[in-house]
Amino acid sequence: MKLDKEEQALLNSIENKEWMRIKNFESESKKLQQTAIKTLRKDQRISIRLAKYDLDGLKMKAVDEGIPYQTIIASLIHKYITGRIGTKIVA
């Protein structure tokens, strides 16, 4: 398996024992797993109206990414809510 530069640097770092386990690893791991489960759970449905142009664009991006367009919409909403994409809305 061929590694790129970043992957090789990470592997070297691990092999050189530059990584240390965090305190309370087990409890932190469980907490993060629960957060991931809650984040990934899709338990609510919504209806939304979009401009045909926007929906077509989403569908094309979805094809490029190889994922369903609904997943892209959910991801964008999640990133917006968590502050990982801009929050300035122009009306």
C-alpha atoms as a PDB file:
ATOM      1  CA  MET A   1       0.000   0.000   0.000  1.00  0.00           C
ATOM      2  CA  LYS A   2       1.440   3.366  -1.067  1.00  0.00           C
ATOM      3  CA  LEU A   3       1.115   6.193   1.464  1.00  0.00           C
ATOM      4  CA  ASP A   4       1.073   9.876   0.586  1.00  0.00           C
ATOM      5  CA  LYS A   5       3.400  12.309   2.426  1.00  0.00           C
ATOM      6  CA  GLU A   6       0.854  13.188   5.107  1.00  0.00           C
ATOM      7  CA  GLU A   7      -0.003   9.548   5.793  1.00  0.00           C
ATOM      8  CA  GLN A   8       3.694   8.602   5.929  1.00  0.00           C
ATOM      9  CA  ALA A   9       4.416  11.446   8.366  1.00  0.00           C
ATOM     10  CA  LEU A  10       1.566  10.292  10.587  1.00  0.00           C
ATOM     11  CA  LEU A  11       2.760   6.683  10.488  1.00  0.00           C
ATOM     12  CA  ASN A  12       6.316   7.766  11.330  1.00  0.00           C
ATOM     13  CA  SER A  13       5.022   9.847  14.223  1.00  0.00           C
ATOM     14  CA  ILE A  14       3.100   6.879  15.618  1.00  0.00           C
ATOM     15  CA  GLU A  15       6.041   4.509  15.173  1.00  0.00           C
ATOM     16  CA  ASN A  16       8.332   7.011  16.953  1.00  0.00           C
ATOM     17  CA  LYS A  17       5.943   6.881  19.936  1.00  0.00           C
ATOM     18  CA  GLU A  18       5.136  10.584  19.678  1.00  0.00           C
ATOM     19  CA  TRP A  19       1.501   9.860  20.568  1.00  0.00           C
ATOM     20  CA  MET A  20       0.280   9.380  24.109  1.00  0.00           C
ATOM     21  CA  ARG A  21      -3.064   8.036  25.304  1.00  0.00           C
ATOM     22  CA  ILE A  22      -5.220  10.694  26.938  1.00  0.00           C
ATOM     23  CA  LYS A  23      -6.260  10.423  30.567  1.00  0.00           C
ATOM     24  CA  ASN A  24      -9.626   8.714  31.043  1.00  0.00           C
ATOM     25  CA  PHE A  25      -9.442   7.277  27.530  1.00  0.00           C
ATOM     26  CA  GLU A  26     -12.266   4.796  28.060  1.00  0.00           C
ATOM     27  CA  SER A  27     -14.770   7.362  29.357  1.00  0.00           C
ATOM     28  CA  GLU A  28     -13.771   9.937  26.700  1.00  0.00           C
ATOM     29  CA  SER A  29     -14.089   7.300  23.992  1.00  0.00           C
ATOM     30  CA  LYS A  30     -17.585   6.318  25.165  1.00  0.00           C
ATOM     31  CA  LYS A  31     -18.646   9.963  25.344  1.00  0.00           C
ATOM     32  CA  LEU A  32     -17.431  10.637  21.804  1.00  0.00           C
ATOM     33  CA  GLN A  33     -19.115   7.476  20.513  1.00  0.00           C
ATOM     34  CA  GLN A  34     -22.436   8.573  22.018  1.00  0.00           C
ATOM     35  CA  THR A  35     -22.039  12.028  20.488  1.00  0.00           C
ATOM     36  CA  ALA A  36     -21.352  10.475  17.071  1.00  0.00           C
ATOM     37  CA  ILE A  37     -24.422   8.244  17.361  1.00  0.00           C
ATOM     38  CA  LYS A  38     -26.638  11.213  18.272  1.00  0.00           C
ATOM     39  CA  THR A  39     -25.152  13.314  15.474  1.00  0.00           C
ATOM     40  CA  LEU A  40     -25.607  10.656  12.812  1.00  0.00           C
ATOM     41  CA  ARG A  41     -29.115   9.592  13.856  1.00  0.00           C
ATOM     42  CA  LYS A  42     -31.706  10.840  11.419  1.00  0.00           C
ATOM     43  CA  ASP A  43     -34.931  10.823  13.413  1.00  0.00           C
ATOM     44  CA  GLN A  44     -36.827  13.823  12.051  1.00  0.00           C
ATOM     45  CA  ARG A  45     -38.264  14.536   8.624  1.00  0.00           C
ATOM     46  CA  ILE A  46     -38.818  17.961   7.112  1.00  0.00           C
ATOM     47  CA  SER A  47     -40.253  19.327   3.899  1.00  0.00           C
ATOM     48  CA  ILE A  48     -38.510  22.195   2.190  1.00  0.00           C
ATOM     49  CA  ARG A  49     -39.057  24.071  -1.033  1.00  0.00           C
ATOM     50  CA  LEU A  50     -35.987  24.869  -3.110  1.00  0.00           C
ATOM     51  CA  ALA A  51     -35.461  26.597  -6.407  1.00  0.00           C
ATOM     52  CA  LYS A  52     -35.137  24.026  -9.194  1.00  0.00           C
ATOM     53  CA  TYR A  53     -31.722  25.456 -10.062  1.00  0.00           C
ATOM     54  CA  ASP A  54     -30.474  24.896  -6.487  1.00  0.00           C
ATOM     55  CA  LEU A  55     -31.879  21.378  -6.253  1.00  0.00           C
ATOM     56  CA  ASP A  56     -30.390  20.449  -9.626  1.00  0.00           C
ATOM     57  CA  GLY A  57     -27.047  21.834  -8.450  1.00  0.00           C
ATOM     58  CA  LEU A  58     -27.238  19.787  -5.251  1.00  0.00           C
ATOM     59  CA  LYS A  59     -28.031  16.662  -7.222  1.00  0.00           C
ATOM     60  CA  MET A  60     -25.062  17.265  -9.542  1.00  0.00           C
ATOM     61  CA  LYS A  61     -22.734  17.793  -6.569  1.00  0.00           C
ATOM     62  CA  ALA A  62     -24.119  14.594  -5.027  1.00  0.00           C
ATOM     63  CA  VAL A  63     -23.282  12.644  -8.174  1.00  0.00           C
ATOM     64  CA  ASP A  64     -19.747  14.103  -8.134  1.00  0.00           C
ATOM     65  CA  GLU A  65     -19.333  13.100  -4.473  1.00  0.00           C
ATOM     66  CA  GLY A  66     -21.036   9.727  -4.892  1.00  0.00           C
ATOM     67  CA  ILE A  67     -23.517  10.339  -2.081  1.00  0.00           C
ATOM     68  CA  PRO A  68     -27.268  11.037  -1.940  1.00  0.00           C
ATOM     69  CA  TYR A  69     -28.244  14.699  -2.277  1.00  0.00           C
ATOM     70  CA  GLN A  70     -30.223  14.484   0.968  1.00  0.00           C
ATOM     71  CA  THR A  71     -26.965  13.627   2.739  1.00  0.00           C
ATOM     72  CA  ILE A  72     -25.350  16.770   1.359  1.00  0.00           C
ATOM     73  CA  ILE A  73     -28.282  18.870   2.580  1.00  0.00           C
ATOM     74  CA  ALA A  74     -28.121  17.292   6.049  1.00  0.00           C
ATOM     75  CA  SER A  75     -24.359  17.810   6.164  1.00  0.00           C
ATOM     76  CA  LEU A  76     -24.639  21.469   5.186  1.00  0.00           C
ATOM     77  CA  ILE A  77     -27.278  22.084   7.841  1.00  0.00           C
ATOM     78  CA  HIS A  78     -25.178  20.304  10.466  1.00  0.00           C
ATOM     79  CA  LYS A  79     -22.054  22.285   9.547  1.00  0.00           C
ATOM     80  CA  TYR A  80     -24.031  25.527   9.694  1.00  0.00           C
ATOM     81  CA  ILE A  81     -25.524  24.693  13.095  1.00  0.00           C
ATOM     82  CA  THR A  82     -22.132  23.727  14.538  1.00  0.00           C
ATOM     83  CA  GLY A  83     -20.437  26.839  13.135  1.00  0.00           C
ATOM     84  CA  ARG A  84     -18.181  25.022  10.684  1.00  0.00           C
ATOM     85  CA  ILE A  85     -19.453  27.074   7.745  1.00  0.00           C
ATOM     86  CA  GLY A  86     -20.264  30.773   7.571  1.00  0.00           C
ATOM     87  CA  THR A  87     -23.235  32.076   9.469  1.00  0.00           C
ATOM     88  CA  LYS A  88     -23.850  35.327   7.610  1.00  0.00           C
ATOM     89  CA  ILE A  89     -27.104  35.037   5.667  1.00  0.00           C
ATOM     90  CA  VAL A  90     -27.882  37.573   2.965  1.00  0.00           C
ATOM     91  CA  ALA A  91     -31.591  37.937   2.288  1.00  0.00           C
END
